[in-house]
Amino acid sequence: MSDGDLDALRAQRMSQMQSQFGGGGGNDAEKQQAQQEQMRAQEEMKHSILSQVLDQQARARLNTLKVSKPEKAQMFENMVIRMAQMGQVRGKLDDAQFVSILESVNAQMPQSKSSVKYDRRRAAIDSDDDDDYGC
C-alpha cells in the first residue's frame, strides 16, 4: 500500500469513528460553550429573581449561609425561586421571613448524626509507670 492509500484509509476510519461517537472535536467545543452560556444565563436569572424577592438583610444572611453551608443555601434559593414563580411571595422577604423559610428547609434536610468515639485504652499507652523504673 502506498502512502496515499493509507491516508485515505485513515481518513475513512476517522470519519466512521466521528460519526459513531457523535461528531468531531470542534462540535464538542461548540456544545460545551453553549452549555456554559446556558448555565451563565440560568445563574443570572436566579440572581435577578433573588434580588427582586429578598431585601438587603435577607441577602446578607443568604451570603453568610452560602459560605458556611452551601448545600443548604442552594436548597433555600431553589425554594424561594419556586415560591416566587408560583406567586406565593408578596413583596420582599425580610429577615424574619427568611428565618422561617430556612427552618422549613432545615426540616427537609436529611439529618446526619455523627458521633465521636474515644477509646481510652489506646490513649492509655503513655502511662505513668515509666517514671517508676529507676533513676
N, C-alpha and C. Protein backbone atom coordinates (compact mmCIF):
# COMPACT_ATOMS: atom_id res chain seq x y z
N MET A 1 0.84 -1.18 0.00
CA MET A 1 0.00 0.00 0.00
C MET A 1 0.88 1.24 0.00
N SER A 2 0.41 2.21 -0.71
CA SER A 2 1.18 3.45 -0.77
C SER A 2 0.70 4.40 0.33
N ASP A 3 1.42 5.49 0.48
CA ASP A 3 1.06 6.49 1.50
C ASP A 3 -0.31 7.10 1.23
N GLY A 4 -0.65 7.27 -0.02
CA GLY A 4 -1.95 7.83 -0.38
C GLY A 4 -3.09 6.91 0.05
N ASP A 5 -2.89 5.60 -0.15
CA ASP A 5 -3.90 4.63 0.26
C ASP A 5 -4.07 4.60 1.77
N LEU A 6 -2.95 4.67 2.49
CA LEU A 6 -3.00 4.68 3.96
C LEU A 6 -3.70 5.94 4.47
N ASP A 7 -3.41 7.07 3.86
CA ASP A 7 -4.07 8.31 4.26
C ASP A 7 -5.58 8.24 4.00
N ALA A 8 -5.97 7.64 2.88
CA ALA A 8 -7.38 7.52 2.56
C ALA A 8 -8.08 6.60 3.57
N LEU A 9 -7.43 5.48 3.93
CA LEU A 9 -7.99 4.57 4.92
C LEU A 9 -8.12 5.24 6.30
N ARG A 10 -7.09 6.00 6.67
CA ARG A 10 -7.12 6.72 7.95
C ARG A 10 -8.26 7.74 7.99
N ALA A 11 -8.41 8.48 6.90
CA ALA A 11 -9.48 9.48 6.83
C ALA A 11 -10.85 8.82 6.89
N GLN A 12 -11.00 7.68 6.19
CA GLN A 12 -12.26 6.96 6.21
C GLN A 12 -12.56 6.43 7.61
N ARG A 13 -11.56 5.86 8.24
CA ARG A 13 -11.75 5.32 9.60
C ARG A 13 -12.06 6.45 10.59
N MET A 14 -11.40 7.59 10.45
CA MET A 14 -11.63 8.74 11.32
C MET A 14 -13.06 9.25 11.16
N SER A 15 -13.55 9.31 9.93
CA SER A 15 -14.93 9.78 9.71
C SER A 15 -15.94 8.79 10.30
N GLN A 16 -15.64 7.48 10.21
CA GLN A 16 -16.52 6.48 10.81
C GLN A 16 -16.57 6.64 12.33
N MET A 17 -15.41 6.84 12.92
CA MET A 17 -15.35 6.99 14.38
C MET A 17 -16.06 8.27 14.82
N GLN A 18 -15.89 9.34 14.06
CA GLN A 18 -16.54 10.60 14.42
C GLN A 18 -18.05 10.48 14.33
N SER A 19 -18.53 9.81 13.29
CA SER A 19 -19.98 9.65 13.15
C SER A 19 -20.51 8.70 14.22
N GLN A 20 -19.73 7.72 14.61
CA GLN A 20 -20.15 6.76 15.61
C GLN A 20 -20.20 7.39 17.01
N PHE A 21 -19.22 8.23 17.34
CA PHE A 21 -19.13 8.79 18.68
C PHE A 21 -19.63 10.23 18.76
N GLY A 22 -20.39 10.69 17.84
CA GLY A 22 -21.07 11.97 17.98
C GLY A 22 -20.32 13.17 17.47
N GLY A 23 -19.66 13.09 16.39
CA GLY A 23 -19.10 14.29 15.77
C GLY A 23 -17.65 14.52 16.09
N GLY A 24 -17.14 15.60 15.52
CA GLY A 24 -15.73 15.94 15.65
C GLY A 24 -15.44 16.75 16.88
N GLY A 25 -14.18 17.12 17.05
CA GLY A 25 -13.73 17.87 18.21
C GLY A 25 -14.29 19.28 18.24
N GLY A 26 -14.41 19.94 17.09
CA GLY A 26 -14.94 21.29 17.04
C GLY A 26 -16.38 21.35 17.49
N ASN A 27 -17.13 20.34 17.17
CA ASN A 27 -18.54 20.28 17.55
C ASN A 27 -18.68 20.16 19.06
N ASP A 28 -17.79 19.40 19.71
CA ASP A 28 -17.82 19.26 21.16
C ASP A 28 -17.53 20.59 21.84
N ALA A 29 -16.60 21.34 21.29
CA ALA A 29 -16.27 22.64 21.87
C ALA A 29 -17.46 23.59 21.77
N GLU A 30 -18.18 23.53 20.66
CA GLU A 30 -19.37 24.37 20.49
C GLU A 30 -20.46 23.97 21.48
N LYS A 31 -20.64 22.67 21.66
CA LYS A 31 -21.64 22.18 22.62
C LYS A 31 -21.29 22.63 24.04
N GLN A 32 -20.01 22.51 24.38
CA GLN A 32 -19.57 22.90 25.71
C GLN A 32 -19.76 24.40 25.93
N GLN A 33 -19.44 25.18 24.93
CA GLN A 33 -19.62 26.63 25.04
C GLN A 33 -21.10 26.98 25.17
N ALA A 34 -21.96 26.28 24.44
CA ALA A 34 -23.40 26.52 24.53
C ALA A 34 -23.92 26.16 25.92
N GLN A 35 -23.41 25.08 26.50
CA GLN A 35 -23.81 24.69 27.85
C GLN A 35 -23.36 25.74 28.86
N GLN A 36 -22.15 26.26 28.69
CA GLN A 36 -21.65 27.28 29.61
C GLN A 36 -22.50 28.55 29.52
N GLU A 37 -22.89 28.93 28.32
CA GLU A 37 -23.74 30.09 28.13
C GLU A 37 -25.10 29.88 28.79
N GLN A 38 -25.64 28.67 28.66
CA GLN A 38 -26.93 28.36 29.26
C GLN A 38 -26.82 28.40 30.78
N MET A 39 -25.75 27.85 31.34
CA MET A 39 -25.55 27.88 32.79
C MET A 39 -25.41 29.32 33.29
N ARG A 40 -24.68 30.13 32.55
CA ARG A 40 -24.48 31.52 32.92
C ARG A 40 -25.82 32.28 32.90
N ALA A 41 -26.64 32.00 31.89
CA ALA A 41 -27.95 32.65 31.79
C ALA A 41 -28.86 32.22 32.95
N GLN A 42 -28.81 30.95 33.32
CA GLN A 42 -29.61 30.47 34.44
C GLN A 42 -29.17 31.12 35.75
N GLU A 43 -27.86 31.24 35.96
CA GLU A 43 -27.35 31.88 37.17
C GLU A 43 -27.77 33.35 37.23
N GLU A 44 -27.70 34.01 36.10
CA GLU A 44 -28.09 35.42 36.05
C GLU A 44 -29.58 35.58 36.35
N MET A 45 -30.41 34.68 35.81
CA MET A 45 -31.83 34.73 36.08
C MET A 45 -32.12 34.47 37.56
N LYS A 46 -31.40 33.51 38.13
CA LYS A 46 -31.57 33.20 39.55
C LYS A 46 -31.22 34.38 40.42
N HIS A 47 -30.11 35.06 40.11
CA HIS A 47 -29.69 36.23 40.90
C HIS A 47 -30.69 37.37 40.76
N SER A 48 -31.24 37.55 39.57
CA SER A 48 -32.20 38.63 39.39
C SER A 48 -33.49 38.36 40.17
N ILE A 49 -33.95 37.11 40.18
CA ILE A 49 -35.15 36.76 40.95
C ILE A 49 -34.90 36.96 42.44
N LEU A 50 -33.73 36.51 42.91
CA LEU A 50 -33.43 36.65 44.34
C LEU A 50 -33.31 38.11 44.74
N SER A 51 -32.75 38.94 43.87
CA SER A 51 -32.64 40.36 44.21
C SER A 51 -34.00 41.04 44.24
N GLN A 52 -34.96 40.54 43.47
CA GLN A 52 -36.31 41.09 43.49
C GLN A 52 -37.09 40.62 44.71
N VAL A 53 -36.78 39.43 45.20
CA VAL A 53 -37.59 38.81 46.25
C VAL A 53 -37.04 39.09 47.66
N LEU A 54 -35.71 39.19 47.81
CA LEU A 54 -35.10 39.34 49.13
C LEU A 54 -34.69 40.79 49.38
N ASP A 55 -34.88 41.25 50.62
CA ASP A 55 -34.38 42.59 50.96
C ASP A 55 -32.90 42.49 51.31
N GLN A 56 -32.30 43.62 51.67
CA GLN A 56 -30.86 43.69 51.85
C GLN A 56 -30.37 42.79 52.99
N GLN A 57 -31.07 42.80 54.12
CA GLN A 57 -30.65 41.96 55.25
C GLN A 57 -30.77 40.48 54.92
N ALA A 58 -31.82 40.11 54.23
CA ALA A 58 -32.01 38.70 53.86
C ALA A 58 -30.94 38.25 52.88
N ARG A 59 -30.56 39.12 51.95
CA ARG A 59 -29.48 38.76 51.01
C ARG A 59 -28.15 38.62 51.74
N ALA A 60 -27.91 39.47 52.72
CA ALA A 60 -26.68 39.36 53.51
C ALA A 60 -26.66 38.04 54.28
N ARG A 61 -27.80 37.67 54.84
CA ARG A 61 -27.88 36.39 55.56
C ARG A 61 -27.70 35.21 54.61
N LEU A 62 -28.24 35.32 53.40
CA LEU A 62 -28.07 34.26 52.41
C LEU A 62 -26.60 34.11 52.02
N ASN A 63 -25.91 35.21 51.85
CA ASN A 63 -24.48 35.14 51.51
C ASN A 63 -23.68 34.50 52.64
N THR A 64 -24.04 34.81 53.88
CA THR A 64 -23.37 34.17 55.01
C THR A 64 -23.66 32.68 55.04
N LEU A 65 -24.89 32.31 54.72
CA LEU A 65 -25.27 30.90 54.68
C LEU A 65 -24.53 30.17 53.57
N LYS A 66 -24.32 30.83 52.43
CA LYS A 66 -23.59 30.22 51.32
C LYS A 66 -22.17 29.87 51.72
N VAL A 67 -21.57 30.72 52.54
CA VAL A 67 -20.19 30.46 52.96
C VAL A 67 -20.13 29.28 53.91
N SER A 68 -21.07 29.23 54.85
CA SER A 68 -20.99 28.19 55.87
C SER A 68 -21.60 26.86 55.42
N LYS A 69 -22.76 26.90 54.77
CA LYS A 69 -23.43 25.67 54.34
C LYS A 69 -23.97 25.84 52.93
N PRO A 70 -23.16 25.59 51.91
CA PRO A 70 -23.57 25.84 50.53
C PRO A 70 -24.76 25.00 50.07
N GLU A 71 -24.85 23.74 50.52
CA GLU A 71 -25.97 22.90 50.07
C GLU A 71 -27.28 23.39 50.66
N LYS A 72 -27.26 23.87 51.89
CA LYS A 72 -28.47 24.42 52.50
C LYS A 72 -28.88 25.72 51.81
N ALA A 73 -27.89 26.55 51.45
CA ALA A 73 -28.18 27.80 50.74
C ALA A 73 -28.78 27.50 49.37
N GLN A 74 -28.29 26.47 48.70
CA GLN A 74 -28.83 26.08 47.39
C GLN A 74 -30.28 25.64 47.52
N MET A 75 -30.59 24.85 48.55
CA MET A 75 -31.98 24.42 48.75
C MET A 75 -32.87 25.63 49.05
N PHE A 76 -32.36 26.57 49.85
CA PHE A 76 -33.14 27.76 50.18
C PHE A 76 -33.41 28.58 48.92
N GLU A 77 -32.39 28.79 48.10
CA GLU A 77 -32.56 29.55 46.87
C GLU A 77 -33.61 28.91 45.97
N ASN A 78 -33.51 27.59 45.80
CA ASN A 78 -34.48 26.89 44.95
C ASN A 78 -35.89 27.03 45.49
N MET A 79 -36.04 26.93 46.81
CA MET A 79 -37.36 27.04 47.40
C MET A 79 -37.94 28.44 47.21
N VAL A 80 -37.12 29.47 47.43
CA VAL A 80 -37.60 30.84 47.28
C VAL A 80 -37.94 31.14 45.83
N ILE A 81 -37.15 30.64 44.90
CA ILE A 81 -37.42 30.87 43.48
C ILE A 81 -38.73 30.19 43.07
N ARG A 82 -38.96 28.96 43.55
CA ARG A 82 -40.22 28.28 43.25
C ARG A 82 -41.41 29.04 43.84
N MET A 83 -41.24 29.53 45.07
CA MET A 83 -42.32 30.29 45.69
C MET A 83 -42.61 31.57 44.91
N ALA A 84 -41.55 32.23 44.42
CA ALA A 84 -41.74 33.46 43.65
C ALA A 84 -42.41 33.17 42.31
N GLN A 85 -42.05 32.08 41.68
CA GLN A 85 -42.64 31.74 40.40
C GLN A 85 -44.10 31.33 40.53
N MET A 86 -44.46 30.76 41.67
CA MET A 86 -45.84 30.34 41.89
C MET A 86 -46.68 31.46 42.48
N GLY A 87 -46.07 32.60 42.76
CA GLY A 87 -46.82 33.74 43.26
C GLY A 87 -47.10 33.71 44.75
N GLN A 88 -46.35 32.92 45.50
CA GLN A 88 -46.56 32.82 46.94
C GLN A 88 -45.86 33.93 47.70
N VAL A 89 -44.96 34.66 47.05
CA VAL A 89 -44.20 35.71 47.71
C VAL A 89 -44.83 37.05 47.36
N ARG A 90 -45.24 37.79 48.38
CA ARG A 90 -45.80 39.13 48.19
C ARG A 90 -44.77 40.13 48.69
N GLY A 91 -44.21 40.90 47.81
CA GLY A 91 -43.20 41.88 48.22
C GLY A 91 -41.87 41.21 48.51
N LYS A 92 -41.01 41.95 49.20
CA LYS A 92 -39.70 41.42 49.51
C LYS A 92 -39.71 40.70 50.86
N LEU A 93 -38.97 39.60 50.91
CA LEU A 93 -38.87 38.85 52.16
C LEU A 93 -37.89 39.55 53.09
N ASP A 94 -38.30 39.76 54.35
CA ASP A 94 -37.39 40.35 55.31
C ASP A 94 -36.66 39.25 56.07
N ASP A 95 -35.90 39.65 57.07
CA ASP A 95 -35.05 38.71 57.79
C ASP A 95 -35.88 37.68 58.56
N ALA A 96 -36.98 38.09 59.17
CA ALA A 96 -37.81 37.16 59.93
C ALA A 96 -38.43 36.11 59.02
N GLN A 97 -38.90 36.53 57.85
CA GLN A 97 -39.47 35.57 56.90
C GLN A 97 -38.39 34.64 56.36
N PHE A 98 -37.18 35.18 56.18
CA PHE A 98 -36.04 34.37 55.75
C PHE A 98 -35.81 33.24 56.75
N VAL A 99 -35.81 33.59 58.04
CA VAL A 99 -35.56 32.59 59.07
C VAL A 99 -36.64 31.53 59.08
N SER A 100 -37.91 31.92 58.90
CA SER A 100 -38.99 30.93 58.90
C SER A 100 -38.87 29.98 57.70
N ILE A 101 -38.51 30.51 56.55
CA ILE A 101 -38.31 29.64 55.37
C ILE A 101 -37.10 28.73 55.59
N LEU A 102 -36.06 29.29 56.20
CA LEU A 102 -34.86 28.50 56.47
C LEU A 102 -35.16 27.36 57.44
N GLU A 103 -36.03 27.57 58.39
CA GLU A 103 -36.43 26.50 59.30
C GLU A 103 -37.14 25.38 58.55
N SER A 104 -37.97 25.73 57.57
CA SER A 104 -38.63 24.69 56.79
C SER A 104 -37.63 23.94 55.91
N VAL A 105 -36.59 24.64 55.44
CA VAL A 105 -35.53 23.97 54.69
C VAL A 105 -34.78 23.02 55.61
N ASN A 106 -34.53 23.45 56.86
CA ASN A 106 -33.85 22.57 57.82
C ASN A 106 -34.65 21.31 58.09
N ALA A 107 -35.97 21.43 58.10
CA ALA A 107 -36.81 20.26 58.32
C ALA A 107 -36.72 19.29 57.14
N GLN A 108 -36.48 19.81 55.94
CA GLN A 108 -36.39 18.95 54.76
C GLN A 108 -35.01 18.32 54.59
N MET A 109 -34.00 18.94 55.17
CA MET A 109 -32.64 18.43 55.01
C MET A 109 -32.50 17.10 55.74
N PRO A 110 -31.77 16.15 55.15
CA PRO A 110 -31.55 14.89 55.86
C PRO A 110 -30.64 15.14 57.07
N GLN A 111 -31.07 14.61 58.18
CA GLN A 111 -30.30 14.79 59.41
C GLN A 111 -29.24 13.70 59.50
N SER A 112 -28.02 14.10 59.68
CA SER A 112 -26.96 13.13 59.83
C SER A 112 -26.44 13.22 61.26
N LYS A 113 -26.48 12.11 61.93
CA LYS A 113 -25.99 12.05 63.30
C LYS A 113 -24.54 11.59 63.25
N SER A 114 -23.68 12.40 63.78
CA SER A 114 -22.29 12.00 63.84
C SER A 114 -21.88 11.90 65.29
N SER A 115 -21.05 10.96 65.58
CA SER A 115 -20.60 10.79 66.95
C SER A 115 -19.11 10.53 66.94
N VAL A 116 -18.50 10.87 68.02
CA VAL A 116 -17.07 10.67 68.18
C VAL A 116 -16.87 9.63 69.27
N LYS A 117 -16.13 8.60 68.94
CA LYS A 117 -15.82 7.57 69.92
C LYS A 117 -14.37 7.77 70.36
N TYR A 118 -14.19 7.75 71.63
CA TYR A 118 -12.86 7.91 72.18
C TYR A 118 -12.51 6.62 72.90
N ASP A 119 -11.48 5.96 72.43
CA ASP A 119 -11.06 4.70 73.01
C ASP A 119 -10.01 4.99 74.08
N ARG A 120 -10.40 4.85 75.33
CA ARG A 120 -9.49 5.18 76.44
C ARG A 120 -8.33 4.22 76.55
N ARG A 121 -8.53 3.01 76.12
CA ARG A 121 -7.45 2.03 76.22
C ARG A 121 -6.29 2.41 75.32
N ARG A 122 -6.58 2.94 74.15
CA ARG A 122 -5.50 3.35 73.25
C ARG A 122 -4.83 4.62 73.74
N ALA A 123 -5.57 5.46 74.40
CA ALA A 123 -5.00 6.69 74.91
C ALA A 123 -4.13 6.41 76.13
N ALA A 124 -4.26 5.25 76.73
CA ALA A 124 -3.51 4.91 77.93
C ALA A 124 -2.14 4.33 77.62
N ILE A 125 -1.70 4.42 76.41
CA ILE A 125 -0.39 3.89 76.03
C ILE A 125 0.73 4.62 76.79
N ASP A 126 0.60 5.90 76.92
CA ASP A 126 1.59 6.67 77.66
C ASP A 126 1.21 6.63 79.13
N SER A 127 1.73 5.67 79.82
CA SER A 127 1.33 5.52 81.21
C SER A 127 2.37 6.15 82.13
N ASP A 128 1.97 6.36 83.34
CA ASP A 128 2.87 6.95 84.34
C ASP A 128 3.84 5.93 84.91
N ASP A 129 3.68 4.67 84.56
CA ASP A 129 4.54 3.62 85.11
C ASP A 129 5.98 3.77 84.63
N ASP A 130 6.22 4.49 83.54
CA ASP A 130 7.59 4.65 83.03
C ASP A 130 8.47 5.38 84.02
N ASP A 131 7.90 6.23 84.83
CA ASP A 131 8.70 7.01 85.78
C ASP A 131 9.17 6.18 86.96
N ASP A 132 8.57 5.01 87.16
CA ASP A 132 8.89 4.19 88.32
C ASP A 132 10.17 3.36 88.15
N TYR A 133 10.74 3.34 86.96
CA TYR A 133 11.89 2.46 86.71
C TYR A 133 13.19 3.17 86.97
N GLY A 134 13.63 3.22 87.96
CA GLY A 134 15.00 3.53 88.04
C GLY A 134 15.48 4.86 88.47
N CYS A 135 16.00 5.67 88.07
CA CYS A 135 16.83 6.82 88.39
C CYS A 135 16.48 7.48 89.65
